[in-house]
Amino acid sequence: MIRLNSKDIALSSFFLALGILFPFIFHQFGIAGRIFSPMHIPVFLAGIFVGPVSGLLVGILSPIISFLLTGMPPPYAVSLMAVELPLYGVSIGLLIKIKKFPLILALIISMLLGRAGFALGLLILGALINLPYGFFGYLQASFITGFPGIILQLILIPVLVKGVGLASKTSYK
């Protein structure tokens, strides 16, 4: 059985709170959430710093709780993001914590998996409501729309990880 200690629970709660706060702030300043994907960043960080279980939980709960508290993301996107985000959190947690992949490679693989999950969710939703697009159309939509967010994440997440790593090595005497 997988157990989270009190530190893991506190960090997971912190990342969950950020997963709700970041999109809220972006929307308050009129910055497009779907383009910059601010909710993704705390999910990746939860997977990196705490592990795959935290990434999974933060990834599932962030869009659901955010929708209930703020009305964002829009109702149709909640279920899609509740597939996409846990894939990010679990995969980066497994790749970083267990497989010891380099951060950038783990980020890229996780982004591909999560976006493919989003595209698959779009395909299923599209089939249910008879949208005239195929899987590659949905795959293209999930990558092209979020391209600025992908670039932001590839720059910001390594900087944050390095910054936290440096801060944790600093001793205050």
N, C-alpha and C. Protein backbone atom coordinates (compact mmCIF):
# COMPACT_ATOMS: atom_id res chain seq x y z
N MET A 1 0.83 -1.18 0.00
CA MET A 1 0.00 0.00 0.00
C MET A 1 0.88 1.25 0.00
N ILE A 2 0.50 2.21 -0.80
CA ILE A 2 1.25 3.46 -0.89
C ILE A 2 0.78 4.39 0.23
N ARG A 3 1.76 4.96 0.94
CA ARG A 3 1.43 5.85 2.03
C ARG A 3 2.11 7.19 1.80
N LEU A 4 1.40 8.24 2.11
CA LEU A 4 1.96 9.58 2.08
C LEU A 4 2.17 10.02 3.52
N ASN A 5 3.36 10.52 3.82
CA ASN A 5 3.60 11.02 5.18
C ASN A 5 3.04 12.44 5.29
N SER A 6 3.15 13.02 6.48
CA SER A 6 2.54 14.33 6.69
C SER A 6 3.19 15.41 5.82
N LYS A 7 4.49 15.31 5.57
CA LYS A 7 5.17 16.27 4.69
C LYS A 7 4.62 16.14 3.26
N ASP A 8 4.44 14.91 2.78
CA ASP A 8 3.89 14.69 1.44
C ASP A 8 2.47 15.23 1.32
N ILE A 9 1.68 15.04 2.35
CA ILE A 9 0.30 15.53 2.34
C ILE A 9 0.29 17.06 2.33
N ALA A 10 1.16 17.67 3.14
CA ALA A 10 1.23 19.13 3.18
C ALA A 10 1.68 19.69 1.83
N LEU A 11 2.72 19.10 1.24
CA LEU A 11 3.19 19.56 -0.07
C LEU A 11 2.13 19.35 -1.15
N SER A 12 1.46 18.21 -1.11
CA SER A 12 0.40 17.94 -2.08
C SER A 12 -0.73 18.96 -1.95
N SER A 13 -1.08 19.30 -0.72
CA SER A 13 -2.11 20.31 -0.49
C SER A 13 -1.67 21.68 -1.00
N PHE A 14 -0.41 22.00 -0.80
CA PHE A 14 0.16 23.25 -1.31
C PHE A 14 0.06 23.30 -2.84
N PHE A 15 0.46 22.22 -3.50
CA PHE A 15 0.41 22.19 -4.96
C PHE A 15 -1.04 22.22 -5.47
N LEU A 16 -1.94 21.57 -4.73
CA LEU A 16 -3.35 21.62 -5.10
C LEU A 16 -3.87 23.05 -4.99
N ALA A 17 -3.51 23.74 -3.93
CA ALA A 17 -3.92 25.15 -3.77
C ALA A 17 -3.37 26.00 -4.92
N LEU A 18 -2.11 25.77 -5.29
CA LEU A 18 -1.53 26.51 -6.42
C LEU A 18 -2.25 26.17 -7.72
N GLY A 19 -2.68 24.92 -7.86
CA GLY A 19 -3.42 24.50 -9.05
C GLY A 19 -4.75 25.20 -9.19
N ILE A 20 -5.27 25.70 -8.12
CA ILE A 20 -6.52 26.48 -8.15
C ILE A 20 -6.20 27.97 -8.26
N LEU A 21 -5.17 28.42 -7.56
CA LEU A 21 -4.81 29.83 -7.52
C LEU A 21 -4.22 30.34 -8.84
N PHE A 22 -3.30 29.61 -9.43
CA PHE A 22 -2.64 30.08 -10.66
C PHE A 22 -3.64 30.40 -11.77
N PRO A 23 -4.56 29.48 -12.12
CA PRO A 23 -5.52 29.82 -13.18
C PRO A 23 -6.41 31.01 -12.81
N PHE A 24 -6.77 31.09 -11.54
CA PHE A 24 -7.60 32.20 -11.08
C PHE A 24 -6.89 33.52 -11.33
N ILE A 25 -5.62 33.59 -10.96
CA ILE A 25 -4.83 34.81 -11.17
C ILE A 25 -4.71 35.11 -12.66
N PHE A 26 -4.41 34.10 -13.46
CA PHE A 26 -4.30 34.31 -14.91
C PHE A 26 -5.59 34.91 -15.46
N HIS A 27 -6.73 34.35 -15.06
CA HIS A 27 -8.01 34.84 -15.57
C HIS A 27 -8.33 36.25 -15.06
N GLN A 28 -7.90 36.58 -13.85
CA GLN A 28 -8.13 37.92 -13.31
C GLN A 28 -7.41 38.99 -14.12
N PHE A 29 -6.29 38.61 -14.71
CA PHE A 29 -5.52 39.55 -15.54
C PHE A 29 -5.81 39.38 -17.03
N GLY A 30 -6.82 38.58 -17.36
CA GLY A 30 -7.23 38.40 -18.75
C GLY A 30 -6.26 37.58 -19.58
N ILE A 31 -5.43 36.76 -18.92
CA ILE A 31 -4.48 35.91 -19.64
C ILE A 31 -5.16 34.57 -19.91
N ALA A 32 -5.13 34.14 -21.15
CA ALA A 32 -5.84 32.92 -21.57
C ALA A 32 -5.25 31.68 -20.89
N GLY A 33 -6.08 31.00 -20.11
CA GLY A 33 -5.65 29.81 -19.39
C GLY A 33 -5.35 28.64 -20.29
N ARG A 34 -6.16 28.40 -21.30
CA ARG A 34 -5.94 27.24 -22.16
C ARG A 34 -4.65 27.40 -22.98
N ILE A 35 -4.26 28.61 -23.23
CA ILE A 35 -3.04 28.83 -24.01
C ILE A 35 -1.80 28.65 -23.12
N PHE A 36 -1.82 29.20 -21.89
CA PHE A 36 -0.64 29.15 -21.04
C PHE A 36 -0.67 28.02 -20.00
N SER A 37 -1.81 27.38 -19.83
CA SER A 37 -1.96 26.20 -18.98
C SER A 37 -1.36 26.35 -17.57
N PRO A 38 -1.79 27.36 -16.82
CA PRO A 38 -1.20 27.58 -15.50
C PRO A 38 -1.49 26.46 -14.49
N MET A 39 -2.58 25.72 -14.68
CA MET A 39 -2.90 24.64 -13.76
C MET A 39 -1.93 23.47 -13.90
N HIS A 40 -1.29 23.36 -15.04
CA HIS A 40 -0.38 22.24 -15.29
C HIS A 40 0.88 22.33 -14.42
N ILE A 41 1.35 23.54 -14.18
CA ILE A 41 2.64 23.73 -13.49
C ILE A 41 2.64 23.10 -12.09
N PRO A 42 1.65 23.37 -11.24
CA PRO A 42 1.66 22.73 -9.91
C PRO A 42 1.53 21.21 -9.97
N VAL A 43 0.84 20.71 -10.99
CA VAL A 43 0.71 19.25 -11.12
C VAL A 43 2.08 18.64 -11.42
N PHE A 44 2.80 19.25 -12.36
CA PHE A 44 4.16 18.76 -12.65
C PHE A 44 5.03 18.85 -11.40
N LEU A 45 4.95 19.96 -10.68
CA LEU A 45 5.78 20.13 -9.48
C LEU A 45 5.42 19.12 -8.40
N ALA A 46 4.15 18.79 -8.26
CA ALA A 46 3.74 17.77 -7.29
C ALA A 46 4.36 16.42 -7.65
N GLY A 47 4.33 16.06 -8.92
CA GLY A 47 4.94 14.81 -9.36
C GLY A 47 6.45 14.80 -9.14
N ILE A 48 7.08 15.93 -9.40
CA ILE A 48 8.54 16.03 -9.27
C ILE A 48 8.96 16.00 -7.81
N PHE A 49 8.36 16.83 -6.98
CA PHE A 49 8.83 16.99 -5.60
C PHE A 49 8.27 15.95 -4.63
N VAL A 50 7.06 15.47 -4.89
CA VAL A 50 6.45 14.53 -3.95
C VAL A 50 6.42 13.12 -4.54
N GLY A 51 6.04 12.99 -5.80
CA GLY A 51 6.01 11.68 -6.43
C GLY A 51 4.75 11.45 -7.24
N PRO A 52 4.66 10.26 -7.85
CA PRO A 52 3.55 9.98 -8.75
C PRO A 52 2.18 9.98 -8.10
N VAL A 53 2.08 9.55 -6.86
CA VAL A 53 0.76 9.53 -6.19
C VAL A 53 0.27 10.96 -5.98
N SER A 54 1.15 11.83 -5.54
CA SER A 54 0.78 13.23 -5.36
C SER A 54 0.42 13.86 -6.71
N GLY A 55 1.23 13.59 -7.73
CA GLY A 55 0.93 14.11 -9.07
C GLY A 55 -0.44 13.66 -9.55
N LEU A 56 -0.77 12.39 -9.28
CA LEU A 56 -2.08 11.85 -9.66
C LEU A 56 -3.20 12.58 -8.93
N LEU A 57 -3.07 12.70 -7.62
CA LEU A 57 -4.13 13.33 -6.82
C LEU A 57 -4.30 14.81 -7.14
N VAL A 58 -3.19 15.53 -7.22
CA VAL A 58 -3.26 16.95 -7.55
C VAL A 58 -3.82 17.13 -8.96
N GLY A 59 -3.43 16.24 -9.88
CA GLY A 59 -3.93 16.31 -11.25
C GLY A 59 -5.42 16.06 -11.38
N ILE A 60 -5.94 15.13 -10.61
CA ILE A 60 -7.39 14.85 -10.66
C ILE A 60 -8.18 15.95 -9.96
N LEU A 61 -7.71 16.34 -8.77
CA LEU A 61 -8.49 17.25 -7.94
C LEU A 61 -8.44 18.71 -8.38
N SER A 62 -7.34 19.16 -8.96
CA SER A 62 -7.21 20.57 -9.34
C SER A 62 -8.34 21.06 -10.24
N PRO A 63 -8.61 20.40 -11.38
CA PRO A 63 -9.68 20.94 -12.23
C PRO A 63 -11.06 20.82 -11.60
N ILE A 64 -11.28 19.76 -10.84
CA ILE A 64 -12.60 19.56 -10.23
C ILE A 64 -12.86 20.62 -9.16
N ILE A 65 -11.93 20.77 -8.23
CA ILE A 65 -12.11 21.75 -7.15
C ILE A 65 -12.12 23.17 -7.71
N SER A 66 -11.24 23.45 -8.67
CA SER A 66 -11.21 24.77 -9.29
C SER A 66 -12.57 25.10 -9.92
N PHE A 67 -13.14 24.13 -10.63
CA PHE A 67 -14.45 24.36 -11.24
C PHE A 67 -15.51 24.63 -10.17
N LEU A 68 -15.50 23.85 -9.10
CA LEU A 68 -16.50 24.02 -8.05
C LEU A 68 -16.37 25.36 -7.33
N LEU A 69 -15.13 25.84 -7.17
CA LEU A 69 -14.90 27.09 -6.45
C LEU A 69 -14.97 28.34 -7.33
N THR A 70 -14.50 28.21 -8.58
CA THR A 70 -14.35 29.40 -9.43
C THR A 70 -15.13 29.34 -10.74
N GLY A 71 -15.65 28.17 -11.09
CA GLY A 71 -16.33 28.02 -12.38
C GLY A 71 -15.36 27.81 -13.54
N MET A 72 -14.07 27.68 -13.23
CA MET A 72 -13.06 27.44 -14.25
C MET A 72 -12.34 26.13 -13.91
N PRO A 73 -11.99 25.34 -14.85
CA PRO A 73 -12.20 25.45 -16.30
C PRO A 73 -13.67 25.29 -16.65
N PRO A 74 -14.01 25.57 -17.92
CA PRO A 74 -15.41 25.40 -18.32
C PRO A 74 -15.86 23.95 -18.14
N PRO A 75 -17.16 23.73 -17.95
CA PRO A 75 -17.66 22.38 -17.65
C PRO A 75 -17.18 21.29 -18.61
N TYR A 76 -17.14 21.58 -19.91
CA TYR A 76 -16.73 20.53 -20.86
C TYR A 76 -15.26 20.14 -20.66
N ALA A 77 -14.45 21.06 -20.15
CA ALA A 77 -13.01 20.80 -20.03
C ALA A 77 -12.63 20.08 -18.73
N VAL A 78 -13.51 20.11 -17.74
CA VAL A 78 -13.17 19.51 -16.44
C VAL A 78 -12.82 18.03 -16.61
N SER A 79 -13.68 17.28 -17.28
CA SER A 79 -13.42 15.85 -17.43
C SER A 79 -12.18 15.60 -18.29
N LEU A 80 -11.97 16.42 -19.31
CA LEU A 80 -10.78 16.26 -20.15
C LEU A 80 -9.52 16.54 -19.35
N MET A 81 -9.54 17.59 -18.57
CA MET A 81 -8.38 17.93 -17.76
C MET A 81 -8.17 16.94 -16.61
N ALA A 82 -9.26 16.32 -16.14
CA ALA A 82 -9.14 15.32 -15.09
C ALA A 82 -8.56 14.01 -15.63
N VAL A 83 -8.36 13.93 -16.94
CA VAL A 83 -7.61 12.83 -17.57
C VAL A 83 -6.19 13.30 -17.87
N GLU A 84 -6.07 14.47 -18.46
CA GLU A 84 -4.78 15.01 -18.89
C GLU A 84 -3.83 15.26 -17.71
N LEU A 85 -4.29 15.99 -16.72
CA LEU A 85 -3.42 16.41 -15.62
C LEU A 85 -2.88 15.25 -14.78
N PRO A 86 -3.70 14.25 -14.43
CA PRO A 86 -3.12 13.12 -13.69
C PRO A 86 -2.07 12.37 -14.50
N LEU A 87 -2.25 12.32 -15.82
CA LEU A 87 -1.22 11.69 -16.65
C LEU A 87 0.10 12.45 -16.54
N TYR A 88 0.03 13.78 -16.50
CA TYR A 88 1.24 14.58 -16.28
C TYR A 88 1.88 14.23 -14.94
N GLY A 89 1.08 14.30 -13.89
CA GLY A 89 1.61 14.11 -12.54
C GLY A 89 2.18 12.74 -12.30
N VAL A 90 1.47 11.71 -12.74
CA VAL A 90 1.94 10.33 -12.54
C VAL A 90 3.19 10.08 -13.37
N SER A 91 3.14 10.47 -14.64
CA SER A 91 4.27 10.14 -15.52
C SER A 91 5.54 10.88 -15.10
N ILE A 92 5.44 12.15 -14.78
CA ILE A 92 6.67 12.86 -14.38
C ILE A 92 7.17 12.34 -13.04
N GLY A 93 6.25 11.99 -12.14
CA GLY A 93 6.67 11.41 -10.86
C GLY A 93 7.40 10.09 -11.05
N LEU A 94 6.87 9.24 -11.92
CA LEU A 94 7.53 7.96 -12.18
C LEU A 94 8.87 8.15 -12.87
N LEU A 95 8.89 9.03 -13.86
CA LEU A 95 10.13 9.24 -14.62
C LEU A 95 11.23 9.89 -13.79
N ILE A 96 10.87 10.82 -12.92
CA ILE A 96 11.86 11.52 -12.11
C ILE A 96 12.24 10.71 -10.86
N LYS A 97 11.24 10.31 -10.11
CA LYS A 97 11.51 9.68 -8.81
C LYS A 97 11.96 8.23 -8.93
N ILE A 98 11.39 7.49 -9.88
CA ILE A 98 11.66 6.06 -9.95
C ILE A 98 12.67 5.72 -11.05
N LYS A 99 12.49 6.28 -12.23
CA LYS A 99 13.36 5.96 -13.35
C LYS A 99 14.58 6.87 -13.47
N LYS A 100 14.59 7.97 -12.71
CA LYS A 100 15.71 8.91 -12.66
C LYS A 100 16.04 9.53 -14.03
N PHE A 101 15.00 9.84 -14.80
CA PHE A 101 15.19 10.52 -16.08
C PHE A 101 15.66 11.95 -15.86
N PRO A 102 16.39 12.51 -16.81
CA PRO A 102 16.69 13.95 -16.72
C PRO A 102 15.38 14.75 -16.78
N LEU A 103 15.35 15.88 -16.10
CA LEU A 103 14.12 16.66 -15.96
C LEU A 103 13.50 17.04 -17.30
N ILE A 104 14.28 17.60 -18.21
CA ILE A 104 13.71 18.06 -19.49
C ILE A 104 13.11 16.89 -20.26
N LEU A 105 13.80 15.76 -20.31
CA LEU A 105 13.29 14.59 -21.02
C LEU A 105 12.00 14.09 -20.35
N ALA A 106 11.99 14.05 -19.03
CA ALA A 106 10.79 13.62 -18.30
C ALA A 106 9.63 14.58 -18.56
N LEU A 107 9.92 15.87 -18.60
CA LEU A 107 8.87 16.86 -18.90
C LEU A 107 8.29 16.64 -20.29
N ILE A 108 9.15 16.46 -21.26
CA ILE A 108 8.68 16.28 -22.65
C ILE A 108 7.84 15.02 -22.78
N ILE A 109 8.32 13.92 -22.22
CA ILE A 109 7.55 12.66 -22.28
C ILE A 109 6.21 12.82 -21.58
N SER A 110 6.21 13.44 -20.41
CA SER A 110 4.97 13.64 -19.65
C SER A 110 4.00 14.53 -20.40
N MET A 111 4.53 15.58 -21.04
CA MET A 111 3.68 16.47 -21.82
C MET A 111 3.04 15.73 -22.99
N LEU A 112 3.81 14.89 -23.64
CA LEU A 112 3.27 14.11 -24.75
C LEU A 112 2.16 13.17 -24.27
N LEU A 113 2.40 12.49 -23.16
CA LEU A 113 1.39 11.57 -22.63
C LEU A 113 0.12 12.30 -22.20
N GLY A 114 0.28 13.39 -21.48
CA GLY A 114 -0.89 14.15 -21.01
C GLY A 114 -1.69 14.74 -22.15
N ARG A 115 -1.00 15.31 -23.11
CA ARG A 115 -1.71 15.90 -24.27
C ARG A 115 -2.36 14.83 -25.12
N ALA A 116 -1.74 13.67 -25.23
CA ALA A 116 -2.38 12.56 -25.95
C ALA A 116 -3.64 12.11 -25.21
N GLY A 117 -3.58 12.10 -23.86
CA GLY A 117 -4.77 11.77 -23.07
C GLY A 117 -5.88 12.78 -23.28
N PHE A 118 -5.51 14.07 -23.34
CA PHE A 118 -6.49 15.12 -23.62
C PHE A 118 -7.11 14.92 -25.00
N ALA A 119 -6.27 14.61 -25.99
CA ALA A 119 -6.75 14.39 -27.36
C ALA A 119 -7.68 13.18 -27.41
N LEU A 120 -7.33 12.12 -26.70
CA LEU A 120 -8.20 10.94 -26.66
C LEU A 120 -9.54 11.27 -26.01
N GLY A 121 -9.49 12.05 -24.93
CA GLY A 121 -10.74 12.49 -24.30
C GLY A 121 -11.58 13.32 -25.25
N LEU A 122 -10.93 14.22 -26.00
CA LEU A 122 -11.65 15.02 -27.02
C LEU A 122 -12.26 14.12 -28.08
N LEU A 123 -11.52 13.11 -28.50
CA LEU A 123 -12.03 12.18 -29.50
C LEU A 123 -13.29 11.47 -29.00
N ILE A 124 -13.25 11.01 -27.76
CA ILE A 124 -14.41 10.32 -27.19
C ILE A 124 -15.58 11.28 -27.04
N LEU A 125 -15.31 12.48 -26.50
CA LEU A 125 -16.36 13.49 -26.36
C LEU A 125 -16.91 13.87 -27.73
N GLY A 126 -16.00 14.06 -28.69
CA GLY A 126 -16.42 14.41 -30.05
C GLY A 126 -17.30 13.34 -30.67
N ALA A 127 -16.98 12.07 -30.41
CA ALA A 127 -17.81 10.98 -30.94
C ALA A 127 -19.18 10.98 -30.30
N LEU A 128 -19.24 11.30 -29.01
CA LEU A 128 -20.52 11.31 -28.31
C LEU A 128 -21.45 12.42 -28.79
N ILE A 129 -20.86 13.55 -29.18
CA ILE A 129 -21.70 14.67 -29.62
C ILE A 129 -21.56 14.93 -31.13
N ASN A 130 -21.00 13.95 -31.83
CA ASN A 130 -20.90 13.97 -33.30
C ASN A 130 -20.13 15.16 -33.87
N LEU A 131 -18.97 15.44 -33.30
CA LEU A 131 -18.10 16.46 -33.89
C LEU A 131 -17.38 15.84 -35.10
N PRO A 132 -17.16 16.63 -36.15
CA PRO A 132 -16.61 16.07 -37.39
C PRO A 132 -15.08 15.99 -37.44
N TYR A 133 -14.43 15.74 -36.33
CA TYR A 133 -12.98 15.69 -36.32
C TYR A 133 -12.49 14.30 -35.99
N GLY A 134 -11.29 13.96 -36.44
CA GLY A 134 -10.67 12.69 -36.11
C GLY A 134 -9.63 12.86 -35.04
N PHE A 135 -8.99 11.77 -34.67
CA PHE A 135 -8.00 11.78 -33.59
C PHE A 135 -6.88 12.77 -33.87
N PHE A 136 -6.38 12.81 -35.10
CA PHE A 136 -5.26 13.71 -35.40
C PHE A 136 -5.68 15.18 -35.32
N GLY A 137 -6.92 15.47 -35.63
CA GLY A 137 -7.43 16.83 -35.47
C GLY A 137 -7.44 17.23 -34.00
N TYR A 138 -7.86 16.31 -33.15
CA TYR A 138 -7.88 16.58 -31.71
C TYR A 138 -6.46 16.65 -31.15
N LEU A 139 -5.59 15.79 -31.66
CA LEU A 139 -4.20 15.80 -31.22
C LEU A 139 -3.55 17.13 -31.59
N GLN A 140 -3.81 17.59 -32.80
CA GLN A 140 -3.28 18.87 -33.26
C GLN A 140 -3.83 20.01 -32.40
N ALA A 141 -5.12 19.98 -32.12
CA ALA A 141 -5.73 21.03 -31.30
C ALA A 141 -5.13 21.06 -29.90
N SER A 142 -4.87 19.90 -29.33
CA SER A 142 -4.35 19.88 -27.96
C SER A 142 -2.90 20.35 -27.89
N PHE A 143 -2.14 20.21 -28.96
CA PHE A 143 -0.75 20.66 -28.94
C PHE A 143 -0.59 22.10 -29.40
N ILE A 144 -1.27 22.47 -30.46
CA ILE A 144 -1.08 23.81 -31.03
C ILE A 144 -1.66 24.89 -30.12
N THR A 145 -2.85 24.66 -29.59
CA THR A 145 -3.45 25.64 -28.69
C THR A 145 -2.58 25.88 -27.48
N GLY A 146 -2.02 24.82 -26.94
CA GLY A 146 -1.23 24.94 -25.72
C GLY A 146 0.26 25.15 -25.94
N PHE A 147 0.69 25.43 -27.16
CA PHE A 147 2.12 25.56 -27.44
C PHE A 147 2.81 26.63 -26.58
N PRO A 148 2.22 27.82 -26.41
CA PRO A 148 2.87 28.79 -25.52
C PRO A 148 3.02 28.27 -24.09
N GLY A 149 2.04 27.52 -23.62
CA GLY A 149 2.13 26.93 -22.28
C GLY A 149 3.22 25.87 -22.19
N ILE A 150 3.39 25.11 -23.26
CA ILE A 150 4.45 24.11 -23.30
C ILE A 150 5.81 24.78 -23.16
N ILE A 151 6.00 25.85 -23.92
CA ILE A 151 7.26 26.60 -23.85
C ILE A 151 7.46 27.18 -22.45
N LEU A 152 6.41 27.78 -21.89
CA LEU A 152 6.48 28.34 -20.54
C LEU A 152 6.89 27.27 -19.53
N GLN A 153 6.27 26.10 -19.62
CA GLN A 153 6.56 25.01 -18.68
C GLN A 153 7.99 24.49 -18.85
N LEU A 154 8.46 24.38 -20.09
CA LEU A 154 9.81 23.89 -20.33
C LEU A 154 10.88 24.85 -19.80
N ILE A 155 10.53 26.12 -19.69
CA ILE A 155 11.46 27.11 -19.15
C ILE A 155 11.29 27.24 -17.64
N LEU A 156 10.05 27.42 -17.20
CA LEU A 156 9.77 27.75 -15.80
C LEU A 156 10.01 26.58 -14.84
N ILE A 157 9.58 25.39 -15.19
CA ILE A 157 9.68 24.26 -14.26
C ILE A 157 11.13 23.92 -13.92
N PRO A 158 12.04 23.81 -14.90
CA PRO A 158 13.44 23.57 -14.52
C PRO A 158 14.03 24.69 -13.64
N VAL A 159 13.65 25.93 -13.91
CA VAL A 159 14.13 27.05 -13.09
C VAL A 159 13.62 26.90 -11.65
N LEU A 160 12.34 26.57 -11.50
CA LEU A 160 11.77 26.38 -10.15
C LEU A 160 12.41 25.20 -9.43
N VAL A 161 12.60 24.10 -10.14
CA VAL A 161 13.20 22.91 -9.54
C VAL A 161 14.62 23.21 -9.10
N LYS A 162 15.38 23.88 -9.95
CA LYS A 162 16.75 24.24 -9.60
C LYS A 162 16.76 25.22 -8.42
N GLY A 163 15.86 26.19 -8.44
CA GLY A 163 15.79 27.16 -7.35
C GLY A 163 15.46 26.51 -6.03
N VAL A 164 14.53 25.60 -6.01
CA VAL A 164 14.17 24.89 -4.77
C VAL A 164 15.34 24.01 -4.33
N GLY A 165 16.00 23.38 -5.30
CA GLY A 165 17.17 22.55 -4.97
C GLY A 165 18.28 23.36 -4.34
N LEU A 166 18.53 24.54 -4.89
CA LEU A 166 19.56 25.41 -4.32
C LEU A 166 19.16 25.90 -2.94
N ALA A 167 17.90 26.25 -2.78
CA ALA A 167 17.41 26.75 -1.49
C ALA A 167 17.50 25.66 -0.43
N SER A 168 17.23 24.41 -0.80
CA SER A 168 17.25 23.34 0.19
C SER A 168 18.68 22.99 0.59
N LYS A 169 19.67 23.33 -0.24
CA LYS A 169 21.06 23.04 0.09
C LYS A 169 21.70 24.15 0.91
N THR A 170 21.03 25.28 0.99
CA THR A 170 21.55 26.40 1.75
C THR A 170 21.28 26.17 3.22
N SER A 171 22.30 26.30 4.03
CA SER A 171 22.07 26.15 5.47
C SER A 171 22.17 27.52 6.12
N TYR A 172 21.29 27.76 7.03
CA TYR A 172 21.27 29.02 7.76
C TYR A 172 21.74 28.74 9.18
N LYS A 173 22.87 29.34 9.52
CA LYS A 173 23.42 29.10 10.86
C LYS A 173 23.49 30.39 11.62
